[in-house]
């Protein structure tokens, strides 16, 4: 049973523009101390208690062959995380063909908005055997993640990220600042519009939401695949997984939104008073996302 008067305030990345506007154009304060400064309020985020609700069963025994698969858009293996346009072809960047699987000698890693890879075999005409790939151009990899999920679930997570304002970015913190290392939740507190938040990642976890989830699920880091697992755990605990799994039916989609709007303040009907998306807008986005998978 939910008692909205007792539920904490949640801050989403989607609300940032409105929050900045409320500051009247003044510079946004970023307090150095971990506590909120006078006049600011620390964000809260509701984490459903653990329970026996059904959820997604992640694969635990994976083939040891490591790989990444480039989606429908050609991209580059780069010597560094900079812009591909600034790098020399053959030494600073090497083209990767669309709809192609590449074998790696180890599980791909992550840094900021990139996947980091070590190729098992050299590319023709390329002096690089390791480097960076822009993450949205990778459709799947042996690192795991959202690509493993049923298409309805994958599309729903895309819609949730759209609502939170992060879209494809796993390296955002509140105020759209970024971090590079996924070794742990970044625990960076930012303040805007009288609100301070440690929200981070594609699904804007507060550090105090992430910590118990990571502990209970055995997640050793904040990498994108683990962000997906923690998000699916919240969905499971909220009793929303069966709705999400069948979210191609409008009634299931809207039921999932209702069950999750006490965690993500950007969802319609959220009781926290923050800006929200309409159900109609999210349904349109969901159907477009679903068509990709």
C-alpha atoms as a PDB file:
ATOM      1  CA  UNK A   1       0.000   0.000   0.000  1.00  0.00           C
ATOM      2  CA  UNK A   2       1.375   3.407  -0.975  1.00  0.00           C
ATOM      3  CA  UNK A   3       0.778   6.464   1.156  1.00  0.00           C
ATOM      4  CA  UNK A   4       1.842   9.378  -0.999  1.00  0.00           C
ATOM      5  CA  UNK A   5       2.224  11.734   1.924  1.00  0.00           C
ATOM      6  CA  UNK A   6       4.962   9.491   3.267  1.00  0.00           C
ATOM      7  CA  UNK A   7       6.794   8.913  -0.002  1.00  0.00           C
ATOM      8  CA  UNK A   8      10.022  10.862  -0.543  1.00  0.00           C
ATOM      9  CA  UNK A   9      10.749  13.409  -3.218  1.00  0.00           C
ATOM     10  CA  UNK A  10      12.441  12.040  -6.347  1.00  0.00           C
ATOM     11  CA  UNK A  11      14.377  14.172  -8.813  1.00  0.00           C
ATOM     12  CA  UNK A  12      14.737  13.089 -12.452  1.00  0.00           C
ATOM     13  CA  UNK A  13      17.186  14.388 -15.038  1.00  0.00           C
ATOM     14  CA  UNK A  14      14.176  15.223 -17.229  1.00  0.00           C
ATOM     15  CA  UNK A  15      13.133  17.917 -14.766  1.00  0.00           C
ATOM     16  CA  UNK A  16      16.422  19.832 -14.983  1.00  0.00           C
ATOM     17  CA  UNK A  17      15.368  22.564 -17.397  1.00  0.00           C
ATOM     18  CA  UNK A  18      12.355  23.443 -15.261  1.00  0.00           C
ATOM     19  CA  UNK A  19      14.476  23.339 -12.114  1.00  0.00           C
ATOM     20  CA  UNK A  20      17.076  25.636 -13.651  1.00  0.00           C
ATOM     21  CA  UNK A  21      14.339  28.023 -14.717  1.00  0.00           C
ATOM     22  CA  UNK A  22      13.129  28.223 -11.132  1.00  0.00           C
ATOM     23  CA  UNK A  23      16.570  29.492 -10.126  1.00  0.00           C
ATOM     24  CA  UNK A  24      15.773  32.734 -11.971  1.00  0.00           C
ATOM     25  CA  UNK A  25      18.809  32.597 -14.243  1.00  0.00           C
ATOM     26  CA  UNK A  26      21.255  32.686 -11.364  1.00  0.00           C
ATOM     27  CA  UNK A  27      24.272  30.404 -11.163  1.00  0.00           C
ATOM     28  CA  UNK A  28      23.333  26.977  -9.810  1.00  0.00           C
ATOM     29  CA  UNK A  29      25.050  26.174  -6.526  1.00  0.00           C
ATOM     30  CA  UNK A  30      27.061  22.989  -6.139  1.00  0.00           C
ATOM     31  CA  UNK A  31      27.779  22.491  -2.440  1.00  0.00           C
ATOM     32  CA  UNK A  32      31.128  21.019  -1.486  1.00  0.00           C
ATOM     33  CA  UNK A  33      29.789  19.336   1.638  1.00  0.00           C
ATOM     34  CA  UNK A  34      27.819  16.098   1.335  1.00  0.00           C
ATOM     35  CA  UNK A  35      24.851  17.636   3.168  1.00  0.00           C
ATOM     36  CA  UNK A  36      22.477  19.954   1.368  1.00  0.00           C
ATOM     37  CA  UNK A  37      23.186  23.638   1.953  1.00  0.00           C
ATOM     38  CA  UNK A  38      20.676  25.866   3.663  1.00  0.00           C
ATOM     39  CA  UNK A  39      17.716  26.384   1.365  1.00  0.00           C
ATOM     40  CA  UNK A  40      18.406  23.175  -0.593  1.00  0.00           C
ATOM     41  CA  UNK A  41      16.727  19.817  -0.142  1.00  0.00           C
ATOM     42  CA  UNK A  42      18.364  16.451  -0.712  1.00  0.00           C
ATOM     43  CA  UNK A  43      16.553  14.291  -3.233  1.00  0.00           C
ATOM     44  CA  UNK A  44      14.983  11.019  -2.140  1.00  0.00           C
ATOM     45  CA  UNK A  45      14.055   7.943  -4.173  1.00  0.00           C
ATOM     46  CA  UNK A  46      11.599   5.224  -3.235  1.00  0.00           C
ATOM     47  CA  UNK A  47      13.027   1.706  -3.381  1.00  0.00           C
ATOM     48  CA  UNK A  48      10.374  -1.035  -3.091  1.00  0.00           C
ATOM     49  CA  UNK A  49      11.229  -3.660  -0.468  1.00  0.00           C
ATOM     50  CA  UNK A  50      12.469  -7.053  -1.596  1.00  0.00           C
ATOM     51  CA  UNK A  51       9.707  -9.600  -2.173  1.00  0.00           C
ATOM     52  CA  UNK A  52       8.731 -12.674  -4.154  1.00  0.00           C
ATOM     53  CA  UNK A  53       7.326 -10.905  -7.209  1.00  0.00           C
ATOM     54  CA  UNK A  54       8.303 -12.467 -10.576  1.00  0.00           C
ATOM     55  CA  UNK A  55      11.027 -10.907 -12.684  1.00  0.00           C
ATOM     56  CA  UNK A  56      13.464 -11.450 -15.531  1.00  0.00           C
ATOM     57  CA  UNK A  57      15.886 -14.368 -15.173  1.00  0.00           C
ATOM     58  CA  UNK A  58      19.273 -13.229 -16.444  1.00  0.00           C
ATOM     59  CA  UNK A  59      21.518 -15.779 -18.102  1.00  0.00           C
ATOM     60  CA  UNK A  60      24.206 -16.895 -15.655  1.00  0.00           C
ATOM     61  CA  UNK A  61      26.241 -19.309 -17.794  1.00  0.00           C
ATOM     62  CA  UNK A  62      27.491 -17.493 -20.864  1.00  0.00           C
ATOM     63  CA  UNK A  63      29.619 -18.762 -23.735  1.00  0.00           C
ATOM     64  CA  UNK A  64      33.208 -17.743 -23.034  1.00  0.00           C
ATOM     65  CA  UNK A  65      33.750 -16.374 -26.558  1.00  0.00           C
ATOM     66  CA  UNK A  66      33.925 -12.589 -26.305  1.00  0.00           C
ATOM     67  CA  UNK A  67      32.610 -10.271 -28.992  1.00  0.00           C
ATOM     68  CA  UNK A  68      30.850  -7.063 -29.917  1.00  0.00           C
ATOM     69  CA  UNK A  69      28.350  -6.589 -32.723  1.00  0.00           C
ATOM     70  CA  UNK A  70      28.026  -3.330 -34.635  1.00  0.00           C
ATOM     71  CA  UNK A  71      24.429  -2.374 -35.438  1.00  0.00           C
ATOM     72  CA  UNK A  72      23.082  -0.832 -38.592  1.00  0.00           C
ATOM     73  CA  UNK A  73      25.362   2.213 -38.578  1.00  0.00           C
ATOM     74  CA  UNK A  74      29.049   2.130 -39.559  1.00  0.00           C
ATOM     75  CA  UNK A  75      31.395   3.413 -36.888  1.00  0.00           C
ATOM     76  CA  UNK A  76      35.066   3.458 -35.833  1.00  0.00           C
ATOM     77  CA  UNK A  77      37.472   1.784 -33.479  1.00  0.00           C
ATOM     78  CA  UNK A  78      39.329   4.780 -32.029  1.00  0.00           C
ATOM     79  CA  UNK A  79      42.654   5.125 -30.255  1.00  0.00           C
ATOM     80  CA  UNK A  80      41.039   7.398 -27.669  1.00  0.00           C
ATOM     81  CA  UNK A  81      37.662   8.715 -26.570  1.00  0.00           C
ATOM     82  CA  UNK A  82      37.866  11.871 -28.676  1.00  0.00           C
ATOM     83  CA  UNK A  83      35.889  12.732 -31.791  1.00  0.00           C
ATOM     84  CA  UNK A  84      36.535  10.388 -34.720  1.00  0.00           C
ATOM     85  CA  UNK A  85      36.766  13.392 -37.072  1.00  0.00           C
ATOM     86  CA  UNK A  86      39.901  14.545 -35.246  1.00  0.00           C
ATOM     87  CA  UNK A  87      41.757  11.217 -35.659  1.00  0.00           C
ATOM     88  CA  UNK A  88      43.872   9.940 -38.555  1.00  0.00           C
ATOM     89  CA  UNK A  89      42.481   6.949 -40.440  1.00  0.00           C
ATOM     90  CA  UNK A  90      44.543   3.788 -39.978  1.00  0.00           C
ATOM     91  CA  UNK A  91      46.437   4.934 -36.909  1.00  0.00           C
ATOM     92  CA  UNK A  92      43.960   6.969 -34.857  1.00  0.00           C
ATOM     93  CA  UNK A  93      40.757   5.335 -36.073  1.00  0.00           C
ATOM     94  CA  UNK A  94      39.734   2.322 -38.121  1.00  0.00           C
ATOM     95  CA  UNK A  95      36.321   1.742 -39.723  1.00  0.00           C
ATOM     96  CA  UNK A  96      33.981  -0.934 -38.372  1.00  0.00           C
ATOM     97  CA  UNK A  97      31.376  -2.319 -40.748  1.00  0.00           C
ATOM     98  CA  UNK A  98      27.648  -2.250 -39.897  1.00  0.00           C
ATOM     99  CA  UNK A  99      25.849  -5.486 -39.020  1.00  0.00           C
ATOM    100  CA  UNK A 100      29.148  -7.205 -38.286  1.00  0.00           C
ATOM    101  CA  UNK A 101      30.386  -9.317 -35.366  1.00  0.00           C
ATOM    102  CA  UNK A 102      33.957  -8.756 -34.158  1.00  0.00           C
ATOM    103  CA  UNK A 103      35.724 -11.167 -31.809  1.00  0.00           C
ATOM    104  CA  UNK A 104      37.646  -9.826 -28.825  1.00  0.00           C
ATOM    105  CA  UNK A 105      40.315 -11.404 -26.625  1.00  0.00           C
ATOM    106  CA  UNK A 106      38.556 -10.315 -23.408  1.00  0.00           C
ATOM    107  CA  UNK A 107      35.146  -9.148 -22.254  1.00  0.00           C
ATOM    108  CA  UNK A 108      34.478  -5.599 -23.491  1.00  0.00           C
ATOM    109  CA  UNK A 109      34.683  -2.834 -20.903  1.00  0.00           C
ATOM    110  CA  UNK A 110      33.183   0.631 -20.528  1.00  0.00           C
ATOM    111  CA  UNK A 111      34.460   4.190 -20.148  1.00  0.00           C
ATOM    112  CA  UNK A 112      32.110   7.169 -20.270  1.00  0.00           C
ATOM    113  CA  UNK A 113      30.049   6.980 -23.470  1.00  0.00           C
ATOM    114  CA  UNK A 114      32.337   4.336 -24.999  1.00  0.00           C
ATOM    115  CA  UNK A 115      32.888   0.598 -24.989  1.00  0.00           C
ATOM    116  CA  UNK A 116      36.542  -0.420 -24.685  1.00  0.00           C
ATOM    117  CA  UNK A 117      37.677  -3.506 -26.622  1.00  0.00           C
ATOM    118  CA  UNK A 118      40.755  -5.639 -27.335  1.00  0.00           C
ATOM    119  CA  UNK A 119      40.449  -7.262 -30.753  1.00  0.00           C
ATOM    120  CA  UNK A 120      41.190 -10.963 -31.108  1.00  0.00           C
ATOM    121  CA  UNK A 121      42.308 -10.456 -34.726  1.00  0.00           C
ATOM    122  CA  UNK A 122      43.744  -7.345 -36.427  1.00  0.00           C
ATOM    123  CA  UNK A 123      41.641  -5.287 -38.799  1.00  0.00           C
ATOM    124  CA  UNK A 124      42.808  -5.004 -42.362  1.00  0.00           C
ATOM    125  CA  UNK A 125      44.818  -1.816 -42.931  1.00  0.00           C
ATOM    126  CA  UNK A 126      44.603  -0.842 -39.256  1.00  0.00           C
ATOM    127  CA  UNK A 127      47.427  -0.463 -36.744  1.00  0.00           C
ATOM    128  CA  UNK A 128      45.038  -0.553 -33.763  1.00  0.00           C
ATOM    129  CA  UNK A 129      44.315  -3.770 -31.876  1.00  0.00           C
ATOM    130  CA  UNK A 130      42.416  -2.106 -29.045  1.00  0.00           C
ATOM    131  CA  UNK A 131      40.481   1.071 -28.503  1.00  0.00           C
ATOM    132  CA  UNK A 132      37.171   2.830 -28.010  1.00  0.00           C
ATOM    133  CA  UNK A 133      33.804   2.446 -29.765  1.00  0.00           C
ATOM    134  CA  UNK A 134      30.893   4.843 -29.341  1.00  0.00           C
ATOM    135  CA  UNK A 135      28.506   2.767 -27.218  1.00  0.00           C
ATOM    136  CA  UNK A 136      25.200   3.493 -29.039  1.00  0.00           C
ATOM    137  CA  UNK A 137      26.719   1.986 -32.202  1.00  0.00           C
ATOM    138  CA  UNK A 138      27.199  -1.404 -30.495  1.00  0.00           C
ATOM    139  CA  UNK A 139      23.992  -3.443 -30.635  1.00  0.00           C
ATOM    140  CA  UNK A 140      25.242  -6.338 -28.470  1.00  0.00           C
ATOM    141  CA  UNK A 141      28.363  -7.724 -26.813  1.00  0.00           C
ATOM    142  CA  UNK A 142      29.566 -10.502 -24.538  1.00  0.00           C
ATOM    143  CA  UNK A 143      29.485  -7.968 -21.689  1.00  0.00           C
ATOM    144  CA  UNK A 144      25.715  -8.472 -21.621  1.00  0.00           C
ATOM    145  CA  UNK A 145      23.071  -5.849 -21.038  1.00  0.00           C
ATOM    146  CA  UNK A 146      19.776  -4.674 -22.477  1.00  0.00           C
ATOM    147  CA  UNK A 147      20.249  -6.545 -25.759  1.00  0.00           C
ATOM    148  CA  UNK A 148      19.578  -9.806 -23.865  1.00  0.00           C
ATOM    149  CA  UNK A 149      16.082  -8.702 -22.885  1.00  0.00           C
ATOM    150  CA  UNK A 150      12.807  -9.480 -24.660  1.00  0.00           C
ATOM    151  CA  UNK A 151      11.948  -6.735 -27.127  1.00  0.00           C
ATOM    152  CA  UNK A 152       9.001  -5.412 -25.080  1.00  0.00           C
ATOM    153  CA  UNK A 153      11.216  -5.079 -21.993  1.00  0.00           C
ATOM    154  CA  UNK A 154      14.046  -3.499 -23.988  1.00  0.00           C
ATOM    155  CA  UNK A 155      11.675  -0.934 -25.491  1.00  0.00           C
ATOM    156  CA  UNK A 156      10.182  -0.156 -22.082  1.00  0.00           C
ATOM    157  CA  UNK A 157      13.643   0.540 -20.634  1.00  0.00           C
ATOM    158  CA  UNK A 158      14.360   2.826 -23.591  1.00  0.00           C
ATOM    159  CA  UNK A 159      11.126   4.663 -22.785  1.00  0.00           C
ATOM    160  CA  UNK A 160      12.072   4.990 -19.124  1.00  0.00           C
ATOM    161  CA  UNK A 161      15.455   6.437 -20.112  1.00  0.00           C
ATOM    162  CA  UNK A 162      13.702   8.856 -22.451  1.00  0.00           C
ATOM    163  CA  UNK A 163      11.448   9.982 -19.612  1.00  0.00           C
ATOM    164  CA  UNK A 164      14.446  10.476 -17.324  1.00  0.00           C
ATOM    165  CA  UNK A 165      16.198  12.568 -19.981  1.00  0.00           C
ATOM    166  CA  UNK A 166      19.224  10.281 -20.377  1.00  0.00           C
ATOM    167  CA  UNK A 167      18.236   8.338 -23.510  1.00  0.00           C
ATOM    168  CA  UNK A 168      21.330   6.288 -24.510  1.00  0.00           C
ATOM    169  CA  UNK A 169      23.702   7.771 -21.938  1.00  0.00           C
ATOM    170  CA  UNK A 170      24.793   5.652 -18.983  1.00  0.00           C
ATOM    171  CA  UNK A 171      27.325   8.256 -17.819  1.00  0.00           C
ATOM    172  CA  UNK A 172      25.041  11.147 -16.826  1.00  0.00           C
ATOM    173  CA  UNK A 173      24.611  12.578 -13.354  1.00  0.00           C
ATOM    174  CA  UNK A 174      21.987  15.097 -12.249  1.00  0.00           C
ATOM    175  CA  UNK A 175      22.408  18.371 -14.212  1.00  0.00           C
ATOM    176  CA  UNK A 176      23.699  16.362 -17.223  1.00  0.00           C
ATOM    177  CA  UNK A 177      27.288  16.377 -16.025  1.00  0.00           C
ATOM    178  CA  UNK A 178      29.158  13.200 -16.957  1.00  0.00           C
ATOM    179  CA  UNK A 179      31.514  10.686 -15.362  1.00  0.00           C
ATOM    180  CA  UNK A 180      34.038   8.329 -16.964  1.00  0.00           C
ATOM    181  CA  UNK A 181      34.697   5.434 -14.577  1.00  0.00           C
ATOM    182  CA  UNK A 182      32.077   2.753 -13.967  1.00  0.00           C
ATOM    183  CA  UNK A 183      33.996   1.221 -11.053  1.00  0.00           C
ATOM    184  CA  UNK A 184      31.215   2.370  -8.706  1.00  0.00           C
ATOM    185  CA  UNK A 185      28.271   4.736  -8.552  1.00  0.00           C
ATOM    186  CA  UNK A 186      29.981   8.132  -8.999  1.00  0.00           C
ATOM    187  CA  UNK A 187      28.419   9.611  -5.833  1.00  0.00           C
ATOM    188  CA  UNK A 188      28.593  13.132  -7.248  1.00  0.00           C
ATOM    189  CA  UNK A 189      26.138  15.529  -5.651  1.00  0.00           C
ATOM    190  CA  UNK A 190      24.832  18.320  -7.869  1.00  0.00           C
ATOM    191  CA  UNK A 191      22.324  21.020  -6.949  1.00  0.00           C
ATOM    192  CA  UNK A 192      19.850  22.926  -9.093  1.00  0.00           C
ATOM    193  CA  UNK A 193      16.632  24.799  -8.365  1.00  0.00           C
ATOM    194  CA  UNK A 194      16.809  24.206  -4.571  1.00  0.00           C
ATOM    195  CA  UNK A 195      17.317  20.453  -5.038  1.00  0.00           C
ATOM    196  CA  UNK A 196      20.502  18.422  -4.538  1.00  0.00           C
ATOM    197  CA  UNK A 197      20.875  14.939  -5.968  1.00  0.00           C
ATOM    198  CA  UNK A 198      23.363  12.111  -6.450  1.00  0.00           C
ATOM    199  CA  UNK A 199      21.254  10.680  -9.297  1.00  0.00           C
ATOM    200  CA  UNK A 200      23.462   8.924 -11.853  1.00  0.00           C
ATOM    201  CA  UNK A 201      23.335   6.543 -14.778  1.00  0.00           C
ATOM    202  CA  UNK A 202      20.794   5.862 -17.487  1.00  0.00           C
ATOM    203  CA  UNK A 203      18.062   5.331 -14.886  1.00  0.00           C
ATOM    204  CA  UNK A 204      19.197   8.044 -12.448  1.00  0.00           C
ATOM    205  CA  UNK A 205      19.886   5.973  -9.339  1.00  0.00           C
ATOM    206  CA  UNK A 206      20.575   7.867  -6.144  1.00  0.00           C
ATOM    207  CA  UNK A 207      23.649   6.449  -4.412  1.00  0.00           C
ATOM    208  CA  UNK A 208      21.516   5.360  -1.461  1.00  0.00           C
ATOM    209  CA  UNK A 209      19.193   3.510  -3.858  1.00  0.00           C
ATOM    210  CA  UNK A 210      22.067   1.883  -5.715  1.00  0.00           C
ATOM    211  CA  UNK A 211      23.994   0.634  -2.665  1.00  0.00           C
ATOM    212  CA  UNK A 212      21.415  -1.827  -1.292  1.00  0.00           C
ATOM    213  CA  UNK A 213      20.541  -3.029  -4.794  1.00  0.00           C
ATOM    214  CA  UNK A 214      24.202  -3.627  -5.660  1.00  0.00           C
ATOM    215  CA  UNK A 215      24.768  -5.437  -2.384  1.00  0.00           C
ATOM    216  CA  UNK A 216      21.734  -7.699  -2.684  1.00  0.00           C
ATOM    217  CA  UNK A 217      22.279  -8.472  -6.376  1.00  0.00           C
ATOM    218  CA  UNK A 218      26.059  -8.880  -6.089  1.00  0.00           C
ATOM    219  CA  UNK A 219      26.811  -6.134  -8.623  1.00  0.00           C
ATOM    220  CA  UNK A 220      30.534  -5.274  -8.395  1.00  0.00           C
ATOM    221  CA  UNK A 221      30.395  -2.070 -10.440  1.00  0.00           C
ATOM    222  CA  UNK A 222      28.152   0.535 -12.089  1.00  0.00           C
ATOM    223  CA  UNK A 223      28.648  -0.652 -15.666  1.00  0.00           C
ATOM    224  CA  UNK A 224      25.749  -0.402 -18.124  1.00  0.00           C
ATOM    225  CA  UNK A 225      24.830  -4.115 -17.866  1.00  0.00           C
ATOM    226  CA  UNK A 226      24.601  -3.801 -14.084  1.00  0.00           C
ATOM    227  CA  UNK A 227      22.509  -0.635 -14.367  1.00  0.00           C
ATOM    228  CA  UNK A 228      20.061  -2.680 -16.442  1.00  0.00           C
ATOM    229  CA  UNK A 229      19.989  -5.451 -13.826  1.00  0.00           C
ATOM    230  CA  UNK A 230      19.294  -3.012 -10.998  1.00  0.00           C
ATOM    231  CA  UNK A 231      16.505  -1.370 -12.990  1.00  0.00           C
ATOM    232  CA  UNK A 232      14.869  -4.729 -13.707  1.00  0.00           C
ATOM    233  CA  UNK A 233      15.096  -5.503  -9.983  1.00  0.00           C
ATOM    234  CA  UNK A 234      13.165  -2.342  -9.109  1.00  0.00           C
ATOM    235  CA  UNK A 235      10.579  -3.234 -11.752  1.00  0.00           C
ATOM    236  CA  UNK A 236      10.289  -6.737 -10.264  1.00  0.00           C
ATOM    237  CA  UNK A 237       9.920  -5.480  -6.684  1.00  0.00           C
ATOM    238  CA  UNK A 238       7.228  -3.037  -7.794  1.00  0.00           C
ATOM    239  CA  UNK A 239       5.213  -5.954  -9.162  1.00  0.00           C
ATOM    240  CA  UNK A 240       5.478  -4.483 -12.652  1.00  0.00           C
ATOM    241  CA  UNK A 241       7.572  -7.030 -14.558  1.00  0.00           C
ATOM    242  CA  UNK A 242       4.672  -9.004 -16.031  1.00  0.00           C
ATOM    243  CA  UNK A 243       3.146  -5.719 -17.223  1.00  0.00           C
ATOM    244  CA  UNK A 244       6.463  -4.628 -18.725  1.00  0.00           C
ATOM    245  CA  UNK A 245       6.960  -8.015 -20.402  1.00  0.00           C
ATOM    246  CA  UNK A 246       3.555  -7.572 -22.090  1.00  0.00           C
ATOM    247  CA  UNK A 247       3.792  -3.796 -22.499  1.00  0.00           C
ATOM    248  CA  UNK A 248       2.918  -3.944 -26.188  1.00  0.00           C
ATOM    249  CA  UNK A 249      -0.666  -4.015 -24.903  1.00  0.00           C
ATOM    250  CA  UNK A 250      -1.640  -0.473 -23.904  1.00  0.00           C
ATOM    251  CA  UNK A 251      -3.346  -1.507 -20.645  1.00  0.00           C
ATOM    252  CA  UNK A 252      -0.185  -3.313 -19.509  1.00  0.00           C
ATOM    253  CA  UNK A 253       1.971  -0.341 -20.490  1.00  0.00           C
ATOM    254  CA  UNK A 254      -0.113   2.088 -18.447  1.00  0.00           C
ATOM    255  CA  UNK A 255      -0.305  -0.312 -15.496  1.00  0.00           C
ATOM    256  CA  UNK A 256       3.509  -0.530 -15.443  1.00  0.00           C
ATOM    257  CA  UNK A 257       3.782   3.275 -15.443  1.00  0.00           C
ATOM    258  CA  UNK A 258       1.409   3.507 -12.464  1.00  0.00           C
ATOM    259  CA  UNK A 259       3.397   0.947 -10.503  1.00  0.00           C
ATOM    260  CA  UNK A 260       6.719   2.680 -11.171  1.00  0.00           C
ATOM    261  CA  UNK A 261       5.860   6.377 -10.840  1.00  0.00           C
ATOM    262  CA  UNK A 262       6.712   6.337  -7.130  1.00  0.00           C
ATOM    263  CA  UNK A 263      10.330   5.572  -8.049  1.00  0.00           C
ATOM    264  CA  UNK A 264      10.769   7.617 -11.241  1.00  0.00           C
ATOM    265  CA  UNK A 265       9.344  11.114 -10.879  1.00  0.00           C
ATOM    266  CA  UNK A 266       9.260  11.725 -14.630  1.00  0.00           C
ATOM    267  CA  UNK A 267       6.455   9.197 -15.131  1.00  0.00           C
ATOM    268  CA  UNK A 268       2.819  10.322 -15.371  1.00  0.00           C
ATOM    269  CA  UNK A 269       0.903  10.420 -12.112  1.00  0.00           C
ATOM    270  CA  UNK A 270       4.042  10.711  -9.995  1.00  0.00           C
ATOM    271  CA  UNK A 271       3.120  12.236  -6.615  1.00  0.00           C
ATOM    272  CA  UNK A 272       6.297  14.283  -6.196  1.00  0.00           C
ATOM    273  CA  UNK A 273       5.278  17.462  -7.985  1.00  0.00           C
ATOM    274  CA  UNK A 274       8.081  17.284 -10.546  1.00  0.00           C
ATOM    275  CA  UNK A 275       7.509  17.752 -14.306  1.00  0.00           C
ATOM    276  CA  UNK A 276       6.238  14.560 -15.933  1.00  0.00           C
ATOM    277  CA  UNK A 277       5.655  13.201 -19.419  1.00  0.00           C
ATOM    278  CA  UNK A 278       2.150  12.381 -20.546  1.00  0.00           C
ATOM    279  CA  UNK A 279       1.128   8.760 -21.003  1.00  0.00           C
ATOM    280  CA  UNK A 280       0.352   9.497 -24.655  1.00  0.00           C
ATOM    281  CA  UNK A 281       3.868  10.858 -25.291  1.00  0.00           C
ATOM    282  CA  UNK A 282       5.523   7.875 -23.633  1.00  0.00           C
ATOM    283  CA  UNK A 283       3.298   5.422 -25.528  1.00  0.00           C
ATOM    284  CA  UNK A 284       4.317   7.023 -28.825  1.00  0.00           C
ATOM    285  CA  UNK A 285       7.992   6.777 -27.874  1.00  0.00           C
ATOM    286  CA  UNK A 286       7.568   3.183 -26.726  1.00  0.00           C
ATOM    287  CA  UNK A 287       5.983   2.077 -30.002  1.00  0.00           C
ATOM    288  CA  UNK A 288       8.821   3.703 -31.982  1.00  0.00           C
ATOM    289  CA  UNK A 289      11.397   2.002 -29.760  1.00  0.00           C
ATOM    290  CA  UNK A 290       9.650  -1.350 -30.066  1.00  0.00           C
ATOM    291  CA  UNK A 291       9.769  -1.138 -33.854  1.00  0.00           C
ATOM    292  CA  UNK A 292      13.601  -1.144 -33.698  1.00  0.00           C
ATOM    293  CA  UNK A 293      13.827  -4.600 -32.096  1.00  0.00           C
END
